[in-house]
């Protein structure tokens, strides 16, 4: 077992710090970021973004990927994704507005902001709840959400060509495709999309 693995397993599981299980509505909101949470240490069923407590990783990721180093920058980035995000460019290219791509990024950033303490738990839930009405109105299933996520991701990834080297490009489209197929697979009991079906958000909330 490598040093990374030993260090990882010394860290407490996220559920020990946040023991209250999510309600169905809460899991649904967290699940909006499931497409971007492909890493093996990512959690798709808790507000905290990792399976084990790793606040430093959340802080580094926000700084490296988004240049978010303060609460004000976090709030500003969330506001930008909520208002326009990348979907304006996608609309110019594809003629459609893939809200799902911006939504997945929004929820992921909010969770990581909570993970490193830039916002507290109540503020993180408020941020997630604020986007529910438009997302729930735009899509009728996780399949529709996944399709638009992939469209937005492709436009974003294609826009990086010529800006960064091929070696620095994010994971190939087929990797994202495979991850989404796993999330949508009815036989995948670990998929949060099976644990919180799309229509759950339209029904009264309840404990899981």
N, C-alpha and C. Protein backbone atom coordinates (compact mmCIF):
# COMPACT_ATOMS: atom_id res chain seq x y z
N UNK A 1 0.85 -1.20 0.00
CA UNK A 1 0.00 0.00 0.00
C UNK A 1 0.88 1.24 0.00
N UNK A 2 0.61 2.18 -0.90
CA UNK A 2 1.43 3.37 -1.04
C UNK A 2 1.20 4.36 0.09
N UNK A 3 2.12 5.35 0.14
CA UNK A 3 2.03 6.37 1.18
C UNK A 3 0.73 7.14 1.09
N UNK A 4 0.29 7.45 -0.16
CA UNK A 4 -0.97 8.19 -0.33
C UNK A 4 -2.13 7.43 0.28
N UNK A 5 -2.16 6.11 0.03
CA UNK A 5 -3.26 5.30 0.54
C UNK A 5 -3.24 5.26 2.06
N UNK A 6 -2.05 5.12 2.66
CA UNK A 6 -1.96 5.09 4.11
C UNK A 6 -2.43 6.41 4.71
N UNK A 7 -2.01 7.53 4.09
CA UNK A 7 -2.43 8.84 4.59
C UNK A 7 -3.93 9.01 4.47
N UNK A 8 -4.49 8.55 3.35
CA UNK A 8 -5.92 8.69 3.12
C UNK A 8 -6.72 7.92 4.17
N UNK A 9 -6.31 6.69 4.44
CA UNK A 9 -7.10 5.87 5.35
C UNK A 9 -6.96 6.27 6.80
N UNK A 10 -6.01 7.15 7.11
CA UNK A 10 -5.92 7.67 8.47
C UNK A 10 -6.95 8.77 8.71
N UNK A 11 -7.46 9.32 7.63
CA UNK A 11 -8.43 10.40 7.77
C UNK A 11 -9.80 9.85 8.11
N UNK A 12 -10.54 10.52 9.01
CA UNK A 12 -11.87 10.00 9.39
C UNK A 12 -12.86 10.10 8.24
N UNK A 13 -13.81 9.20 8.22
CA UNK A 13 -14.85 9.23 7.20
C UNK A 13 -15.73 10.46 7.41
N UNK A 14 -16.24 10.99 6.31
CA UNK A 14 -17.03 12.22 6.38
C UNK A 14 -18.26 12.05 7.27
N UNK A 15 -18.85 10.86 7.25
CA UNK A 15 -20.06 10.62 8.04
C UNK A 15 -19.82 10.78 9.54
N UNK A 16 -18.57 10.63 9.99
CA UNK A 16 -18.28 10.78 11.41
C UNK A 16 -18.38 12.23 11.85
N UNK A 17 -18.05 13.15 10.95
CA UNK A 17 -18.18 14.57 11.28
C UNK A 17 -19.60 15.06 10.99
N UNK A 18 -20.23 14.50 9.97
CA UNK A 18 -21.58 14.90 9.57
C UNK A 18 -22.47 13.66 9.57
N UNK A 19 -22.90 13.21 10.75
CA UNK A 19 -23.57 11.90 10.86
C UNK A 19 -25.02 11.86 10.41
N UNK A 20 -25.69 13.00 10.27
CA UNK A 20 -27.12 13.00 9.94
C UNK A 20 -27.30 12.64 8.46
N UNK A 21 -28.03 11.57 8.14
CA UNK A 21 -28.24 11.21 6.73
C UNK A 21 -29.00 12.30 5.99
N UNK A 22 -28.73 12.44 4.72
CA UNK A 22 -29.44 13.42 3.92
C UNK A 22 -30.88 12.98 3.67
N UNK A 23 -31.78 13.94 3.57
CA UNK A 23 -33.13 13.64 3.14
C UNK A 23 -33.11 13.40 1.63
N UNK A 24 -34.23 12.97 1.09
CA UNK A 24 -34.29 12.72 -0.35
C UNK A 24 -34.03 13.99 -1.15
N UNK A 25 -34.61 15.11 -0.74
CA UNK A 25 -34.39 16.37 -1.45
C UNK A 25 -32.92 16.80 -1.36
N UNK A 26 -32.32 16.63 -0.20
CA UNK A 26 -30.92 17.01 -0.04
C UNK A 26 -30.02 16.15 -0.93
N UNK A 27 -30.29 14.85 -0.96
CA UNK A 27 -29.49 13.97 -1.82
C UNK A 27 -29.67 14.34 -3.29
N UNK A 28 -30.87 14.68 -3.66
CA UNK A 28 -31.14 15.09 -5.05
C UNK A 28 -30.29 16.31 -5.40
N UNK A 29 -30.24 17.29 -4.51
CA UNK A 29 -29.45 18.50 -4.79
C UNK A 29 -27.97 18.18 -4.88
N UNK A 30 -27.46 17.38 -3.95
CA UNK A 30 -26.06 16.99 -3.99
C UNK A 30 -25.75 16.22 -5.28
N UNK A 31 -26.72 15.41 -5.72
CA UNK A 31 -26.52 14.56 -6.90
C UNK A 31 -26.39 15.35 -8.19
N UNK A 32 -26.73 16.62 -8.18
CA UNK A 32 -26.57 17.43 -9.37
C UNK A 32 -25.10 17.55 -9.77
N UNK A 33 -24.20 17.36 -8.81
CA UNK A 33 -22.77 17.42 -9.13
C UNK A 33 -22.16 16.05 -9.40
N UNK A 34 -22.96 14.99 -9.36
CA UNK A 34 -22.43 13.63 -9.54
C UNK A 34 -21.64 13.46 -10.85
N UNK A 35 -22.04 14.09 -11.97
CA UNK A 35 -21.27 13.89 -13.20
C UNK A 35 -19.82 14.32 -13.11
N UNK A 36 -19.51 15.33 -12.29
CA UNK A 36 -18.12 15.80 -12.21
C UNK A 36 -17.35 15.12 -11.08
N UNK A 37 -18.02 14.32 -10.28
CA UNK A 37 -17.37 13.66 -9.15
C UNK A 37 -16.96 12.24 -9.54
N UNK A 38 -15.91 12.16 -10.35
CA UNK A 38 -15.45 10.86 -10.84
C UNK A 38 -14.32 10.26 -10.00
N UNK A 39 -13.63 11.07 -9.21
CA UNK A 39 -12.51 10.58 -8.43
C UNK A 39 -12.94 9.53 -7.42
N UNK A 40 -12.05 8.60 -7.11
CA UNK A 40 -12.43 7.52 -6.21
C UNK A 40 -12.63 7.99 -4.76
N UNK A 41 -12.09 9.16 -4.41
CA UNK A 41 -12.29 9.68 -3.06
C UNK A 41 -13.46 10.65 -2.98
N UNK A 42 -14.19 10.85 -4.10
CA UNK A 42 -15.33 11.76 -4.11
C UNK A 42 -16.55 11.11 -3.48
N UNK A 43 -17.32 11.90 -2.76
CA UNK A 43 -18.59 11.42 -2.20
C UNK A 43 -19.72 11.99 -3.04
N UNK A 44 -20.68 11.14 -3.38
CA UNK A 44 -21.84 11.57 -4.16
C UNK A 44 -23.13 11.53 -3.34
N UNK A 45 -22.99 11.22 -2.04
CA UNK A 45 -24.19 11.08 -1.20
C UNK A 45 -24.12 11.90 0.08
N UNK A 46 -23.16 12.82 0.18
CA UNK A 46 -23.06 13.70 1.34
C UNK A 46 -22.82 15.13 0.85
N UNK A 47 -23.14 16.09 1.67
CA UNK A 47 -22.84 17.47 1.30
C UNK A 47 -21.33 17.67 1.25
N UNK A 48 -20.62 17.07 2.19
CA UNK A 48 -19.16 17.14 2.18
C UNK A 48 -18.67 16.45 0.91
N UNK A 49 -17.71 17.03 0.19
CA UNK A 49 -17.39 16.52 -1.15
C UNK A 49 -16.56 15.25 -1.21
N UNK A 50 -15.98 14.81 -0.10
CA UNK A 50 -15.12 13.63 -0.11
C UNK A 50 -15.65 12.56 0.85
N UNK A 51 -15.24 11.32 0.62
CA UNK A 51 -15.65 10.24 1.51
C UNK A 51 -14.95 10.35 2.85
N UNK A 52 -13.75 10.95 2.85
CA UNK A 52 -13.01 11.17 4.08
C UNK A 52 -12.66 12.64 4.22
N UNK A 53 -12.54 13.11 5.45
CA UNK A 53 -12.29 14.52 5.71
C UNK A 53 -10.95 14.93 5.11
N UNK A 54 -11.01 15.90 4.21
CA UNK A 54 -9.81 16.36 3.51
C UNK A 54 -10.01 17.81 3.10
N UNK A 55 -10.12 18.68 4.10
CA UNK A 55 -10.40 20.10 3.83
C UNK A 55 -9.33 20.74 2.94
N UNK A 56 -8.07 20.34 3.12
CA UNK A 56 -6.98 20.93 2.35
C UNK A 56 -7.13 20.65 0.85
N UNK A 57 -7.59 19.44 0.51
CA UNK A 57 -7.78 19.12 -0.90
C UNK A 57 -8.85 20.00 -1.52
N UNK A 58 -9.93 20.26 -0.78
CA UNK A 58 -10.98 21.14 -1.28
C UNK A 58 -10.44 22.54 -1.51
N UNK A 59 -9.63 23.01 -0.58
CA UNK A 59 -9.07 24.37 -0.70
C UNK A 59 -8.11 24.45 -1.88
N UNK A 60 -7.25 23.44 -2.04
CA UNK A 60 -6.30 23.46 -3.15
C UNK A 60 -7.01 23.39 -4.49
N UNK A 61 -8.03 22.55 -4.57
CA UNK A 61 -8.75 22.38 -5.83
C UNK A 61 -9.41 23.69 -6.25
N UNK A 62 -10.05 24.38 -5.32
CA UNK A 62 -10.69 25.65 -5.65
C UNK A 62 -9.67 26.67 -6.13
N UNK A 63 -8.51 26.70 -5.50
CA UNK A 63 -7.48 27.65 -5.89
C UNK A 63 -6.88 27.30 -7.25
N UNK A 64 -6.58 26.02 -7.45
CA UNK A 64 -5.90 25.59 -8.69
C UNK A 64 -6.83 25.62 -9.90
N UNK A 65 -8.05 25.16 -9.73
CA UNK A 65 -8.96 25.02 -10.86
C UNK A 65 -9.78 26.28 -11.15
N UNK A 66 -10.07 27.05 -10.10
CA UNK A 66 -10.97 28.18 -10.28
C UNK A 66 -10.41 29.52 -9.78
N UNK A 67 -9.19 29.51 -9.23
CA UNK A 67 -8.58 30.71 -8.66
C UNK A 67 -9.47 31.30 -7.55
N UNK A 68 -10.14 30.40 -6.84
CA UNK A 68 -10.96 30.81 -5.71
C UNK A 68 -10.14 30.66 -4.44
N UNK A 69 -9.82 31.76 -3.81
CA UNK A 69 -8.99 31.73 -2.61
C UNK A 69 -9.64 32.46 -1.43
N UNK A 70 -10.87 32.89 -1.61
CA UNK A 70 -11.56 33.61 -0.53
C UNK A 70 -13.06 33.39 -0.65
N UNK A 71 -13.75 33.72 0.40
CA UNK A 71 -15.21 33.61 0.39
C UNK A 71 -15.83 34.49 -0.69
N UNK A 72 -15.33 35.72 -0.83
CA UNK A 72 -15.88 36.64 -1.83
C UNK A 72 -15.73 36.08 -3.24
N UNK A 73 -14.58 35.48 -3.52
CA UNK A 73 -14.37 34.91 -4.85
C UNK A 73 -15.27 33.71 -5.08
N UNK A 74 -15.48 32.93 -4.03
CA UNK A 74 -16.38 31.78 -4.13
C UNK A 74 -17.80 32.25 -4.46
N UNK A 75 -18.28 33.21 -3.70
CA UNK A 75 -19.64 33.73 -3.92
C UNK A 75 -19.76 34.32 -5.32
N UNK A 76 -18.74 35.03 -5.76
CA UNK A 76 -18.77 35.62 -7.09
C UNK A 76 -18.82 34.57 -8.19
N UNK A 77 -18.04 33.51 -8.02
CA UNK A 77 -18.03 32.46 -9.03
C UNK A 77 -19.37 31.74 -9.07
N UNK A 78 -19.96 31.47 -7.93
CA UNK A 78 -21.27 30.83 -7.90
C UNK A 78 -22.32 31.71 -8.58
N UNK A 79 -22.25 33.00 -8.32
CA UNK A 79 -23.19 33.92 -8.95
C UNK A 79 -23.05 33.92 -10.46
N UNK A 80 -21.82 33.87 -10.95
CA UNK A 80 -21.59 33.86 -12.39
C UNK A 80 -22.13 32.60 -13.04
N UNK A 81 -21.92 31.46 -12.41
CA UNK A 81 -22.44 30.20 -12.95
C UNK A 81 -23.96 30.18 -12.93
N UNK A 82 -24.56 30.74 -11.88
CA UNK A 82 -26.02 30.77 -11.78
C UNK A 82 -26.64 31.68 -12.83
N UNK A 83 -25.97 32.78 -13.14
CA UNK A 83 -26.55 33.75 -14.08
C UNK A 83 -26.33 33.36 -15.53
N UNK A 84 -25.09 33.05 -15.89
CA UNK A 84 -24.78 32.77 -17.30
C UNK A 84 -23.90 31.55 -17.49
N UNK A 85 -22.83 31.47 -16.73
CA UNK A 85 -21.93 30.33 -16.84
C UNK A 85 -21.37 30.16 -18.23
N UNK A 86 -21.24 28.89 -18.65
CA UNK A 86 -20.70 28.56 -19.97
C UNK A 86 -21.81 28.36 -21.02
N UNK A 87 -23.05 28.42 -20.58
CA UNK A 87 -24.13 28.05 -21.49
C UNK A 87 -24.38 29.07 -22.59
N UNK A 88 -23.95 30.32 -22.41
CA UNK A 88 -24.11 31.31 -23.48
C UNK A 88 -23.26 30.91 -24.69
N UNK A 89 -22.03 30.50 -24.45
CA UNK A 89 -21.16 30.05 -25.55
C UNK A 89 -21.72 28.79 -26.19
N UNK A 90 -22.22 27.89 -25.37
CA UNK A 90 -22.79 26.66 -25.90
C UNK A 90 -24.00 26.95 -26.79
N UNK A 91 -24.78 27.94 -26.41
CA UNK A 91 -25.95 28.30 -27.21
C UNK A 91 -25.52 28.84 -28.57
N UNK A 92 -24.45 29.61 -28.60
CA UNK A 92 -23.95 30.15 -29.86
C UNK A 92 -23.50 29.02 -30.80
N UNK A 93 -22.91 27.99 -30.23
CA UNK A 93 -22.34 26.90 -31.04
C UNK A 93 -23.38 25.85 -31.39
N UNK A 94 -24.21 25.48 -30.40
CA UNK A 94 -25.12 24.35 -30.57
C UNK A 94 -26.58 24.75 -30.75
N UNK A 95 -26.89 25.98 -30.37
CA UNK A 95 -28.29 26.40 -30.45
C UNK A 95 -29.12 25.93 -29.29
N UNK A 96 -28.48 25.34 -28.27
CA UNK A 96 -29.18 24.91 -27.06
C UNK A 96 -28.43 25.48 -25.86
N UNK A 97 -29.10 25.52 -24.74
CA UNK A 97 -28.50 26.10 -23.53
C UNK A 97 -28.38 25.01 -22.47
N UNK A 98 -27.23 24.34 -22.37
CA UNK A 98 -27.06 23.22 -21.44
C UNK A 98 -26.85 23.68 -19.99
N UNK A 99 -27.95 23.98 -19.35
CA UNK A 99 -27.91 24.42 -17.95
C UNK A 99 -27.24 23.38 -17.06
N UNK A 100 -27.37 22.10 -17.40
CA UNK A 100 -26.86 21.03 -16.55
C UNK A 100 -25.36 21.13 -16.31
N UNK A 101 -24.61 21.53 -17.32
CA UNK A 101 -23.16 21.65 -17.16
C UNK A 101 -22.82 22.69 -16.11
N UNK A 102 -23.42 23.88 -16.21
CA UNK A 102 -23.16 24.93 -15.23
C UNK A 102 -23.68 24.52 -13.85
N UNK A 103 -24.79 23.81 -13.81
CA UNK A 103 -25.35 23.39 -12.54
C UNK A 103 -24.41 22.41 -11.82
N UNK A 104 -23.88 21.45 -12.56
CA UNK A 104 -22.96 20.48 -11.95
C UNK A 104 -21.74 21.17 -11.38
N UNK A 105 -21.19 22.14 -12.12
CA UNK A 105 -20.04 22.89 -11.64
C UNK A 105 -20.42 23.73 -10.41
N UNK A 106 -21.57 24.34 -10.46
CA UNK A 106 -22.05 25.19 -9.36
C UNK A 106 -22.14 24.39 -8.06
N UNK A 107 -22.79 23.24 -8.13
CA UNK A 107 -22.97 22.43 -6.92
C UNK A 107 -21.63 21.89 -6.43
N UNK A 108 -20.78 21.50 -7.35
CA UNK A 108 -19.46 21.00 -6.96
C UNK A 108 -18.65 22.07 -6.25
N UNK A 109 -18.65 23.28 -6.78
CA UNK A 109 -17.91 24.38 -6.16
C UNK A 109 -18.49 24.72 -4.79
N UNK A 110 -19.82 24.75 -4.69
CA UNK A 110 -20.45 25.05 -3.40
C UNK A 110 -20.07 24.00 -2.35
N UNK A 111 -20.08 22.74 -2.75
CA UNK A 111 -19.72 21.67 -1.81
C UNK A 111 -18.27 21.78 -1.37
N UNK A 112 -17.38 22.09 -2.30
CA UNK A 112 -15.97 22.23 -1.94
C UNK A 112 -15.74 23.48 -1.10
N UNK A 113 -16.51 24.54 -1.37
CA UNK A 113 -16.43 25.73 -0.53
C UNK A 113 -16.84 25.42 0.89
N UNK A 114 -17.86 24.61 1.04
CA UNK A 114 -18.26 24.14 2.37
C UNK A 114 -17.17 23.24 2.96
N UNK A 115 -16.59 22.39 2.11
CA UNK A 115 -15.58 21.45 2.58
C UNK A 115 -14.35 22.12 3.18
N UNK A 116 -14.00 23.31 2.67
CA UNK A 116 -12.81 23.99 3.21
C UNK A 116 -13.18 25.15 4.12
N UNK A 117 -14.47 25.32 4.42
CA UNK A 117 -14.87 26.32 5.41
C UNK A 117 -15.09 27.71 4.90
N UNK A 118 -15.11 27.90 3.58
CA UNK A 118 -15.37 29.25 3.05
C UNK A 118 -16.83 29.65 3.27
N UNK A 119 -17.72 28.66 3.26
CA UNK A 119 -19.11 28.88 3.63
C UNK A 119 -19.50 27.78 4.61
N UNK A 120 -20.49 28.07 5.44
CA UNK A 120 -20.89 27.05 6.41
C UNK A 120 -21.98 26.14 5.82
N UNK A 121 -22.41 25.17 6.59
CA UNK A 121 -23.35 24.18 6.08
C UNK A 121 -24.67 24.81 5.66
N UNK A 122 -25.19 25.71 6.49
CA UNK A 122 -26.46 26.36 6.16
C UNK A 122 -26.34 27.16 4.87
N UNK A 123 -25.24 27.86 4.69
CA UNK A 123 -25.03 28.65 3.48
C UNK A 123 -24.90 27.76 2.25
N UNK A 124 -24.26 26.61 2.42
CA UNK A 124 -24.13 25.68 1.29
C UNK A 124 -25.50 25.17 0.86
N UNK A 125 -26.34 24.80 1.82
CA UNK A 125 -27.69 24.32 1.45
C UNK A 125 -28.50 25.44 0.81
N UNK A 126 -28.35 26.65 1.30
CA UNK A 126 -29.07 27.79 0.70
C UNK A 126 -28.63 27.97 -0.75
N UNK A 127 -27.34 27.84 -1.01
CA UNK A 127 -26.83 27.98 -2.38
C UNK A 127 -27.42 26.90 -3.28
N UNK A 128 -27.48 25.68 -2.79
CA UNK A 128 -28.02 24.58 -3.59
C UNK A 128 -29.52 24.76 -3.82
N UNK A 129 -30.24 25.15 -2.79
CA UNK A 129 -31.69 25.31 -2.91
C UNK A 129 -32.04 26.41 -3.91
N UNK A 130 -31.19 27.41 -4.03
CA UNK A 130 -31.52 28.55 -4.90
C UNK A 130 -31.60 28.17 -6.36
N UNK A 131 -30.94 27.10 -6.77
CA UNK A 131 -30.97 26.72 -8.19
C UNK A 131 -31.97 25.62 -8.49
N UNK A 132 -32.60 25.06 -7.47
CA UNK A 132 -33.54 23.95 -7.68
C UNK A 132 -34.69 24.32 -8.61
N UNK A 133 -35.38 25.45 -8.41
CA UNK A 133 -36.55 25.73 -9.26
C UNK A 133 -36.26 25.72 -10.75
N UNK A 134 -35.18 26.40 -11.18
CA UNK A 134 -34.90 26.47 -12.61
C UNK A 134 -34.45 25.12 -13.16
N UNK A 135 -33.68 24.36 -12.38
CA UNK A 135 -33.21 23.06 -12.86
C UNK A 135 -34.38 22.08 -12.95
N UNK A 136 -35.21 22.07 -11.92
CA UNK A 136 -36.36 21.15 -11.91
C UNK A 136 -37.35 21.48 -13.01
N UNK A 137 -37.41 22.75 -13.39
CA UNK A 137 -38.32 23.18 -14.46
C UNK A 137 -37.75 22.88 -15.84
N UNK A 138 -36.44 22.85 -15.95
CA UNK A 138 -35.78 22.68 -17.24
C UNK A 138 -35.75 21.22 -17.70
N UNK A 139 -35.57 20.30 -16.76
CA UNK A 139 -35.41 18.88 -17.12
C UNK A 139 -36.49 18.02 -16.47
N UNK A 140 -36.73 16.88 -17.11
CA UNK A 140 -37.77 15.96 -16.60
C UNK A 140 -37.19 14.63 -16.17
N UNK A 141 -35.88 14.45 -16.28
CA UNK A 141 -35.27 13.17 -15.88
C UNK A 141 -33.77 13.35 -15.75
N UNK A 142 -33.14 12.39 -15.07
CA UNK A 142 -31.68 12.40 -14.99
C UNK A 142 -31.08 12.17 -16.37
N UNK A 143 -31.77 11.44 -17.24
CA UNK A 143 -31.28 11.23 -18.60
C UNK A 143 -31.16 12.55 -19.34
N UNK A 144 -32.18 13.39 -19.25
CA UNK A 144 -32.13 14.70 -19.91
C UNK A 144 -31.01 15.55 -19.32
N UNK A 145 -30.91 15.51 -18.01
CA UNK A 145 -29.86 16.27 -17.33
C UNK A 145 -28.48 15.80 -17.80
N UNK A 146 -28.28 14.48 -17.88
CA UNK A 146 -27.00 13.92 -18.32
C UNK A 146 -26.68 14.32 -19.75
N UNK A 147 -27.68 14.30 -20.64
CA UNK A 147 -27.45 14.66 -22.04
C UNK A 147 -26.97 16.11 -22.16
N UNK A 148 -27.58 17.01 -21.42
CA UNK A 148 -27.19 18.41 -21.49
C UNK A 148 -25.85 18.64 -20.81
N UNK A 149 -25.58 17.88 -19.75
CA UNK A 149 -24.26 17.97 -19.11
C UNK A 149 -23.16 17.64 -20.13
N UNK A 150 -23.36 16.57 -20.89
CA UNK A 150 -22.35 16.16 -21.86
C UNK A 150 -22.19 17.20 -22.98
N UNK A 151 -23.29 17.80 -23.40
CA UNK A 151 -23.19 18.85 -24.42
C UNK A 151 -22.36 20.03 -23.91
N UNK A 152 -22.67 20.47 -22.70
CA UNK A 152 -21.93 21.58 -22.13
C UNK A 152 -20.46 21.25 -21.92
N UNK A 153 -20.20 20.04 -21.48
CA UNK A 153 -18.82 19.62 -21.24
C UNK A 153 -18.04 19.58 -22.55
N UNK A 154 -18.67 19.11 -23.61
CA UNK A 154 -17.97 19.02 -24.89
C UNK A 154 -17.60 20.42 -25.40
N UNK A 155 -18.52 21.36 -25.29
CA UNK A 155 -18.22 22.73 -25.74
C UNK A 155 -17.09 23.31 -24.91
N UNK A 156 -17.14 23.10 -23.60
CA UNK A 156 -16.09 23.60 -22.72
C UNK A 156 -14.74 22.97 -23.07
N UNK A 157 -14.72 21.67 -23.25
CA UNK A 157 -13.47 20.96 -23.53
C UNK A 157 -12.91 21.38 -24.89
N UNK A 158 -13.78 21.47 -25.89
CA UNK A 158 -13.32 21.89 -27.22
C UNK A 158 -12.73 23.30 -27.18
N UNK A 159 -13.27 24.13 -26.30
CA UNK A 159 -12.76 25.49 -26.18
C UNK A 159 -11.36 25.56 -25.60
N UNK A 160 -10.91 24.48 -24.96
CA UNK A 160 -9.57 24.45 -24.39
C UNK A 160 -8.51 24.11 -25.43
N UNK A 161 -8.92 23.51 -26.53
CA UNK A 161 -7.94 23.12 -27.55
C UNK A 161 -7.25 24.36 -28.12
N UNK A 162 -5.96 24.29 -28.21
CA UNK A 162 -5.18 25.43 -28.67
C UNK A 162 -4.78 26.35 -27.54
N UNK A 163 -5.42 26.19 -26.37
CA UNK A 163 -5.09 27.01 -25.19
C UNK A 163 -4.15 26.25 -24.28
N UNK A 164 -4.41 24.94 -24.11
CA UNK A 164 -3.54 24.08 -23.32
C UNK A 164 -3.09 22.93 -24.20
N UNK A 165 -2.05 22.26 -23.79
CA UNK A 165 -1.53 21.13 -24.56
C UNK A 165 -2.47 19.94 -24.43
N UNK A 166 -2.38 19.00 -25.36
CA UNK A 166 -3.22 17.82 -25.34
C UNK A 166 -3.05 17.05 -24.03
N UNK A 167 -1.82 17.03 -23.52
CA UNK A 167 -1.55 16.29 -22.28
C UNK A 167 -2.27 16.90 -21.08
N UNK A 168 -2.56 18.21 -21.16
CA UNK A 168 -3.20 18.90 -20.04
C UNK A 168 -4.72 18.99 -20.18
N UNK A 169 -5.27 18.46 -21.28
CA UNK A 169 -6.71 18.46 -21.44
C UNK A 169 -7.36 17.57 -20.39
N UNK A 170 -8.58 17.89 -19.97
CA UNK A 170 -9.27 17.06 -18.99
C UNK A 170 -9.59 15.69 -19.58
N UNK A 171 -10.16 14.84 -18.75
CA UNK A 171 -10.45 13.46 -19.16
C UNK A 171 -11.22 13.43 -20.48
N UNK A 172 -10.95 12.46 -21.34
CA UNK A 172 -11.63 12.35 -22.63
C UNK A 172 -13.14 12.24 -22.49
N UNK A 173 -13.84 12.56 -23.55
CA UNK A 173 -15.29 12.50 -23.54
C UNK A 173 -15.79 11.09 -23.23
N UNK A 174 -15.06 10.07 -23.70
CA UNK A 174 -15.55 8.70 -23.46
C UNK A 174 -15.48 8.33 -21.98
N UNK A 175 -14.57 8.96 -21.23
CA UNK A 175 -14.51 8.73 -19.79
C UNK A 175 -15.74 9.33 -19.12
N UNK A 176 -16.10 10.55 -19.51
CA UNK A 176 -17.30 11.18 -18.98
C UNK A 176 -18.54 10.40 -19.37
N UNK A 177 -18.57 9.89 -20.61
CA UNK A 177 -19.70 9.08 -21.07
C UNK A 177 -19.87 7.84 -20.20
N UNK A 178 -18.76 7.15 -19.94
CA UNK A 178 -18.81 5.92 -19.15
C UNK A 178 -19.29 6.20 -17.72
N UNK A 179 -18.83 7.30 -17.16
CA UNK A 179 -19.25 7.66 -15.80
C UNK A 179 -20.75 7.92 -15.74
N UNK A 180 -21.27 8.62 -16.74
CA UNK A 180 -22.70 8.91 -16.78
C UNK A 180 -23.53 7.64 -17.00
N UNK A 181 -23.02 6.74 -17.83
CA UNK A 181 -23.73 5.46 -18.01
C UNK A 181 -23.84 4.71 -16.70
N UNK A 182 -22.78 4.77 -15.90
CA UNK A 182 -22.81 4.12 -14.60
C UNK A 182 -23.84 4.77 -13.67
N UNK A 183 -23.90 6.10 -13.68
CA UNK A 183 -24.87 6.80 -12.85
C UNK A 183 -26.30 6.48 -13.26
N UNK A 184 -26.52 6.30 -14.56
CA UNK A 184 -27.87 6.05 -15.08
C UNK A 184 -28.26 4.58 -15.07
N UNK A 185 -27.32 3.70 -14.81
CA UNK A 185 -27.58 2.26 -14.83
C UNK A 185 -28.55 1.88 -13.71
N UNK A 186 -29.73 1.36 -14.04
CA UNK A 186 -30.71 0.99 -13.00
C UNK A 186 -30.18 -0.06 -12.03
N UNK A 187 -29.19 -0.83 -12.45
CA UNK A 187 -28.65 -1.89 -11.60
C UNK A 187 -27.58 -1.37 -10.64
N UNK A 188 -27.18 -0.11 -10.79
CA UNK A 188 -26.14 0.46 -9.94
C UNK A 188 -26.76 0.98 -8.65
N UNK A 189 -26.69 0.18 -7.60
CA UNK A 189 -27.31 0.55 -6.33
C UNK A 189 -26.59 1.70 -5.64
N UNK A 190 -25.35 1.95 -6.02
CA UNK A 190 -24.59 3.03 -5.40
C UNK A 190 -24.84 4.37 -6.07
N UNK A 191 -25.51 4.37 -7.21
CA UNK A 191 -25.74 5.63 -7.92
C UNK A 191 -26.72 6.51 -7.14
N UNK A 192 -26.34 7.76 -6.86
CA UNK A 192 -27.27 8.65 -6.16
C UNK A 192 -28.50 8.95 -6.99
N UNK A 193 -28.39 8.80 -8.32
CA UNK A 193 -29.55 9.04 -9.18
C UNK A 193 -30.59 7.94 -9.05
N UNK A 194 -30.18 6.78 -8.61
CA UNK A 194 -31.15 5.72 -8.31
C UNK A 194 -31.68 5.87 -6.89
N UNK A 195 -30.85 6.38 -6.00
CA UNK A 195 -31.27 6.59 -4.61
C UNK A 195 -32.24 7.77 -4.49
N UNK A 196 -32.07 8.75 -5.37
CA UNK A 196 -32.95 9.93 -5.38
C UNK A 196 -33.42 10.15 -6.80
N UNK A 197 -34.48 9.46 -7.24
CA UNK A 197 -34.98 9.61 -8.61
C UNK A 197 -35.32 11.07 -8.91
N UNK A 198 -35.31 11.42 -10.19
CA UNK A 198 -35.54 12.81 -10.57
C UNK A 198 -36.85 13.35 -10.03
N UNK A 199 -37.91 12.58 -10.11
CA UNK A 199 -39.21 13.10 -9.69
C UNK A 199 -39.33 13.27 -8.18
N UNK A 200 -38.32 12.83 -7.42
CA UNK A 200 -38.36 12.99 -5.96
C UNK A 200 -38.42 14.45 -5.55
N UNK A 201 -37.82 15.33 -6.37
CA UNK A 201 -37.78 16.74 -6.01
C UNK A 201 -39.16 17.39 -6.14
N UNK A 202 -40.05 16.80 -6.89
CA UNK A 202 -41.41 17.33 -7.06
C UNK A 202 -42.36 16.87 -5.94
N UNK A 203 -41.92 15.91 -5.15
CA UNK A 203 -42.75 15.34 -4.09
C UNK A 203 -42.27 15.81 -2.72
N UNK A 204 -43.11 15.66 -1.68
CA UNK A 204 -42.68 16.08 -0.34
C UNK A 204 -41.39 15.40 0.08
N UNK A 205 -40.56 16.15 0.79
CA UNK A 205 -39.29 15.61 1.25
C UNK A 205 -39.52 14.58 2.35
N UNK A 206 -38.58 13.66 2.48
CA UNK A 206 -38.69 12.67 3.54
C UNK A 206 -37.32 12.11 3.86
N UNK A 207 -37.18 11.53 5.04
CA UNK A 207 -35.92 10.92 5.45
C UNK A 207 -35.68 9.66 4.63
N UNK A 208 -34.43 9.35 4.39
CA UNK A 208 -34.10 8.16 3.64
C UNK A 208 -33.81 6.99 4.58
